[in-house]
């Protein structure tokens, strides 16, 4: 699947598409978004992952994470519950490895916008 970008370069996801991945009804997703309870972060790949981006969307303890290639096509996808994931003590805004599909370690850095 290819993701669309808006005129500012932000990813645009259909509410129904995202709601399914966060196990929510569309109206509940939209309500939580208005309240600021749904958060997202985009990280840009570095070194061997140059051109890839990691998009993480979080709803309380539920996390949906994808990696997209330079053409904005999803190349890996995962969903997990933080209550069941092992604790990780990463400092904020530091890049850290992920292993999409277990194939290789990926390196990403946070894309901050001011």
Protein backbone atom coordinates (compact mmCIF):
# COMPACT_ATOMS: atom_id res chain seq x y z
CA UNK A 1 0.00 0.00 0.00
CA UNK A 2 1.21 3.49 -0.82
CA UNK A 3 0.68 6.33 1.66
CA UNK A 4 -0.33 9.79 0.50
CA UNK A 5 1.31 13.03 1.61
CA UNK A 6 -0.45 16.36 2.10
CA UNK A 7 0.88 19.68 0.80
CA UNK A 8 3.09 20.11 3.89
CA UNK A 9 4.68 16.66 3.49
CA UNK A 10 2.77 14.99 6.34
CA UNK A 11 1.32 11.51 5.89
CA UNK A 12 -2.44 11.32 5.42
CA UNK A 13 -4.17 8.15 6.62
CA UNK A 14 -7.84 7.35 6.14
CA UNK A 15 -9.60 7.16 9.53
CA UNK A 16 -11.07 3.72 8.76
CA UNK A 17 -7.61 2.37 7.82
CA UNK A 18 -6.03 3.65 11.04
CA UNK A 19 -8.98 2.71 13.27
CA UNK A 20 -8.67 -0.96 12.29
CA UNK A 21 -4.98 -0.97 13.14
CA UNK A 22 -5.60 0.57 16.57
CA UNK A 23 -8.63 -1.68 17.24
CA UNK A 24 -11.00 1.29 17.49
CA UNK A 25 -14.26 2.36 15.87
CA UNK A 26 -13.78 5.30 13.48
CA UNK A 27 -15.83 7.69 15.64
CA UNK A 28 -13.82 6.75 18.74
CA UNK A 29 -10.56 7.25 16.83
CA UNK A 30 -11.68 10.70 15.73
CA UNK A 31 -12.78 11.60 19.27
CA UNK A 32 -9.43 10.54 20.70
CA UNK A 33 -7.59 12.47 17.98
CA UNK A 34 -9.52 15.65 18.83
CA UNK A 35 -8.57 15.16 22.49
CA UNK A 36 -4.90 14.64 21.61
CA UNK A 37 -4.90 11.05 22.86
CA UNK A 38 -3.61 9.65 19.56
CA UNK A 39 0.01 10.62 18.95
CA UNK A 40 2.32 10.00 16.02
CA UNK A 41 5.98 10.34 15.19
CA UNK A 42 7.93 10.08 11.94
CA UNK A 43 11.60 9.09 11.95
CA UNK A 44 13.89 9.24 8.93
CA UNK A 45 16.23 6.38 8.06
CA UNK A 46 19.98 6.92 8.17
CA UNK A 47 22.94 5.01 6.77
CA UNK A 48 21.63 1.80 5.15
CA UNK A 49 18.04 2.89 5.71
CA UNK A 50 18.41 6.24 3.94
CA UNK A 51 15.17 7.00 2.10
CA UNK A 52 13.01 4.96 4.47
CA UNK A 53 10.78 6.39 7.18
CA UNK A 54 9.30 4.84 10.30
CA UNK A 55 5.84 6.06 11.28
CA UNK A 56 4.66 5.24 14.81
CA UNK A 57 1.09 5.90 15.95
CA UNK A 58 0.20 5.45 19.60
CA UNK A 59 -3.13 5.19 21.40
CA UNK A 60 -2.49 4.77 25.12
CA UNK A 61 -0.69 1.40 25.29
CA UNK A 62 -1.48 0.36 21.71
CA UNK A 63 1.20 1.03 19.10
CA UNK A 64 1.05 0.66 15.33
CA UNK A 65 4.34 1.07 13.49
CA UNK A 66 5.18 0.95 9.81
CA UNK A 67 8.26 1.43 7.70
CA UNK A 68 7.82 3.02 4.28
CA UNK A 69 10.27 3.12 1.41
CA UNK A 70 11.32 6.16 -0.63
CA UNK A 71 8.15 5.79 -2.74
CA UNK A 72 5.99 5.90 0.45
CA UNK A 73 4.96 2.25 0.11
CA UNK A 74 4.60 0.23 3.32
CA UNK A 75 7.39 -2.36 3.51
CA UNK A 76 6.74 -3.59 7.06
CA UNK A 77 4.02 -3.22 9.65
CA UNK A 78 3.65 -4.22 13.28
CA UNK A 79 1.19 -3.61 16.10
CA UNK A 80 1.80 -4.28 19.77
CA UNK A 81 0.65 -3.47 23.28
CA UNK A 82 3.20 -1.69 25.47
CA UNK A 83 1.93 -3.54 28.54
CA UNK A 84 3.14 -6.78 26.95
CA UNK A 85 6.36 -5.46 25.42
CA UNK A 86 9.66 -5.64 27.31
CA UNK A 87 10.71 -2.38 28.93
CA UNK A 88 13.28 -0.39 26.96
CA UNK A 89 15.21 2.49 28.50
CA UNK A 90 15.98 4.59 25.42
CA UNK A 91 16.66 8.27 26.02
CA UNK A 92 14.10 10.46 24.21
CA UNK A 93 14.84 11.48 20.60
CA UNK A 94 17.69 9.00 20.25
CA UNK A 95 17.74 6.71 17.23
CA UNK A 96 17.43 3.04 18.01
CA UNK A 97 17.40 -0.17 15.94
CA UNK A 98 14.33 -2.07 14.86
CA UNK A 99 14.28 -5.31 12.95
CA UNK A 100 11.42 -5.25 10.42
CA UNK A 101 10.63 -8.84 9.61
CA UNK A 102 13.80 -9.82 11.45
CA UNK A 103 15.79 -9.23 8.27
CA UNK A 104 18.25 -6.56 9.41
CA UNK A 105 18.77 -3.82 11.95
CA UNK A 106 17.42 -0.44 10.83
CA UNK A 107 18.59 2.96 12.00
CA UNK A 108 16.24 5.93 12.18
CA UNK A 109 16.45 9.42 13.59
CA UNK A 110 13.56 11.58 14.78
CA UNK A 111 12.21 14.12 12.27
CA UNK A 112 11.42 17.20 14.32
CA UNK A 113 9.31 20.06 13.00
CA UNK A 114 9.40 23.59 14.33
